[in-house]
Amino acid sequence: MLLPSDAQNIVDHIDDRLRNAHRVTAKLISAVIEAACRRFPSAGQRERTARIERLIAAEAWTDAAFALIELELPQWQVRRIAYDEGEWHCALSRERELPEWLDQSVEARHLDLPLAILSAFVEAQRASAPSIRPSVPLVRREADAVYQVLCTDNF
């Protein structure tokens, strides 16, 4: 089993690969699935995983990226897809009905539409990952020698 820090390194690596890619390939989307997908292949949802495999075989990259979001992140929805100054911008959100300034969405951009969607998918996976922080913050038990007690009462 991967430790959370190892999983984070893998996701960072796939994020770099997506950012530097010029177009989607079957090898690249397989790497995304391997690094960022926890439910693929899903035994309970064989139709969805079979559909994703058919889309990959047909090189329908945009539809495959949307199908991955639907399978892996059912609580996330596409908030916005826009083409501006030669780049595609894709924003995913959990609360699409909220005003944009209140929403905690993730956004990615790329020259290629499927790569922008896959990058946003990886960012949403990162945002959805369980936190490894403890519920109660850690407090040091010993004070440093640098700190000195100082009385500030006004007598």
Protein backbone atom coordinates (compact mmCIF):
# COMPACT_ATOMS: atom_id res chain seq x y z
CA MET A 1 0.00 0.00 0.00
CA LEU A 2 1.24 3.46 -0.83
CA LEU A 3 1.86 5.93 1.95
CA PRO A 4 0.08 9.28 1.50
CA SER A 5 3.36 11.02 0.69
CA ASP A 6 4.13 8.42 -2.01
CA ALA A 7 0.66 8.82 -3.48
CA GLN A 8 1.15 12.60 -3.50
CA ASN A 9 4.45 12.21 -5.38
CA ILE A 10 2.75 10.00 -7.98
CA VAL A 11 -0.07 12.52 -8.44
CA ASP A 12 2.47 15.36 -8.74
CA HIS A 13 4.36 13.33 -11.37
CA ILE A 14 1.21 12.69 -13.43
CA ASP A 15 0.27 16.37 -13.09
CA ASP A 16 3.66 17.31 -14.57
CA ARG A 17 3.19 14.79 -17.39
CA LEU A 18 -0.22 16.27 -18.22
CA ARG A 19 1.14 19.81 -18.17
CA ASN A 20 4.00 18.92 -20.52
CA ALA A 21 1.98 16.73 -22.92
CA HIS A 22 0.88 18.03 -26.32
CA ARG A 23 -1.97 15.56 -26.80
CA VAL A 24 -3.61 12.64 -25.04
CA THR A 25 -2.45 9.13 -25.80
CA ALA A 26 -3.68 5.78 -24.52
CA LYS A 27 -0.46 5.44 -22.53
CA LEU A 28 -0.97 8.84 -20.87
CA ILE A 29 -4.60 8.25 -19.94
CA SER A 30 -3.64 4.81 -18.58
CA ALA A 31 -1.03 6.51 -16.40
CA VAL A 32 -3.68 8.96 -15.15
CA ILE A 33 -5.99 6.06 -14.32
CA GLU A 34 -3.21 4.19 -12.55
CA ALA A 35 -2.07 7.22 -10.53
CA ALA A 36 -5.30 9.02 -9.70
CA CYS A 37 -8.18 6.55 -9.94
CA ARG A 38 -9.23 4.58 -6.89
CA ARG A 39 -12.44 3.09 -8.30
CA PHE A 40 -11.21 1.94 -11.69
CA PRO A 41 -11.87 -0.86 -12.51
CA SER A 42 -14.97 -0.94 -10.39
CA ALA A 43 -16.54 -4.33 -9.79
CA GLY A 44 -19.87 -2.75 -8.87
CA GLN A 45 -19.95 -0.53 -11.96
CA ARG A 46 -18.75 -2.76 -14.78
CA GLU A 47 -20.78 -0.88 -17.38
CA ARG A 48 -19.04 2.40 -16.58
CA THR A 49 -15.54 0.93 -16.61
CA ALA A 50 -16.29 -0.94 -19.84
CA ARG A 51 -17.56 2.32 -21.35
CA ILE A 52 -14.35 4.11 -20.36
CA GLU A 53 -12.28 1.33 -21.90
CA ARG A 54 -14.30 1.57 -25.14
CA LEU A 55 -13.83 5.36 -25.22
CA ILE A 56 -10.08 4.96 -24.75
CA ALA A 57 -9.95 2.34 -27.52
CA ALA A 58 -11.88 4.72 -29.79
CA GLU A 59 -9.55 7.60 -28.82
CA ALA A 60 -12.53 9.65 -27.63
CA TRP A 61 -10.37 11.46 -25.08
CA THR A 62 -12.80 14.19 -24.04
CA ASP A 63 -15.62 11.72 -23.44
CA ALA A 64 -13.23 9.40 -21.59
CA ALA A 65 -12.15 12.26 -19.31
CA PHE A 66 -15.79 13.13 -18.54
CA ALA A 67 -16.55 9.45 -17.88
CA LEU A 68 -13.60 9.25 -15.45
CA ILE A 69 -14.95 12.26 -13.55
CA GLU A 70 -18.39 10.65 -13.43
CA LEU A 71 -16.98 7.37 -12.10
CA GLU A 72 -14.29 8.60 -9.73
CA LEU A 73 -15.74 11.89 -8.49
CA PRO A 74 -19.53 11.58 -8.55
CA GLN A 75 -19.92 14.58 -6.22
CA TRP A 76 -17.94 16.85 -8.60
CA GLN A 77 -19.45 18.49 -11.69
CA VAL A 78 -18.11 20.55 -14.55
CA ARG A 79 -18.63 24.18 -13.61
CA ARG A 80 -17.09 25.85 -16.64
CA ILE A 81 -15.25 25.05 -19.84
CA ALA A 82 -13.96 28.04 -21.73
CA TYR A 83 -11.52 28.74 -24.54
CA ASP A 84 -9.57 31.95 -24.00
CA GLU A 85 -6.45 33.21 -25.75
CA GLY A 86 -5.47 29.84 -27.14
CA GLU A 87 -6.02 27.82 -23.96
CA TRP A 88 -8.84 25.67 -22.64
CA HIS A 89 -9.93 26.34 -19.07
CA CYS A 90 -11.83 23.67 -17.16
CA ALA A 91 -13.30 24.20 -13.69
CA LEU A 92 -14.78 21.42 -11.58
CA SER A 93 -16.94 22.10 -8.56
CA ARG A 94 -18.84 20.31 -5.83
CA GLU A 95 -21.45 23.06 -5.52
CA ARG A 96 -22.17 24.29 -9.01
CA GLU A 97 -25.25 26.25 -7.92
CA LEU A 98 -23.28 28.52 -5.58
CA PRO A 99 -21.95 31.82 -6.87
CA GLU A 100 -18.47 31.41 -8.26
CA TRP A 101 -16.87 33.54 -5.56
CA LEU A 102 -18.29 31.26 -2.82
CA ASP A 103 -17.47 27.98 -4.49
CA GLN A 104 -14.41 25.88 -3.74
CA SER A 105 -13.71 24.81 -7.30
CA VAL A 106 -10.55 23.52 -8.96
CA GLU A 107 -9.43 24.88 -12.28
CA ALA A 108 -6.90 23.73 -14.83
CA ARG A 109 -5.84 25.01 -18.22
CA HIS A 110 -4.09 23.56 -21.23
CA LEU A 111 -3.82 24.06 -24.97
CA ASP A 112 -5.67 20.76 -25.51
CA LEU A 113 -9.24 20.33 -24.19
CA PRO A 114 -8.95 16.71 -22.98
CA LEU A 115 -5.69 17.55 -21.21
CA ALA A 116 -7.32 20.52 -19.47
CA ILE A 117 -10.17 18.27 -18.30
CA LEU A 118 -7.77 15.55 -17.12
CA SER A 119 -5.64 18.12 -15.28
CA ALA A 120 -8.74 19.45 -13.50
CA PHE A 121 -9.68 15.84 -12.68
CA VAL A 122 -6.27 15.21 -11.08
CA GLU A 123 -6.57 18.47 -9.09
CA ALA A 124 -10.05 17.47 -7.89
CA GLN A 125 -8.70 14.06 -6.86
CA ARG A 126 -5.98 15.82 -4.91
CA ALA A 127 -8.56 18.09 -3.24
CA SER A 128 -10.77 15.10 -2.40
CA ALA A 129 -7.95 13.00 -0.96
CA PRO A 130 -8.31 12.29 2.74
CA SER A 131 -6.15 14.47 4.90
CA ILE A 132 -3.37 12.85 6.89
CA ARG A 133 -3.36 15.60 9.49
CA PRO A 134 -4.51 14.68 13.01
CA SER A 135 -7.82 16.06 14.20
CA VAL A 136 -6.11 17.71 17.17
CA PRO A 137 -3.04 19.86 16.51
CA LEU A 138 0.22 18.75 18.06
CA VAL A 139 1.71 20.93 20.79
CA ARG A 140 5.32 20.77 21.88
CA ARG A 141 5.65 19.89 25.55
CA GLU A 142 8.97 21.66 26.13
CA ALA A 143 9.60 25.36 25.85
CA ASP A 144 12.75 26.51 24.09
CA ALA A 145 15.54 28.05 26.15
CA VAL A 146 15.08 31.25 24.12
CA TYR A 147 11.75 32.01 25.78
CA GLN A 148 11.79 33.73 29.16
CA VAL A 149 8.97 34.51 31.49
CA LEU A 150 8.12 38.20 31.50
CA CYS A 151 5.72 39.91 33.86
CA THR A 152 3.78 42.66 32.13
CA ASP A 153 1.46 43.68 34.98
CA ASN A 154 1.32 47.38 35.81
CA PHE A 155 1.67 47.87 39.56
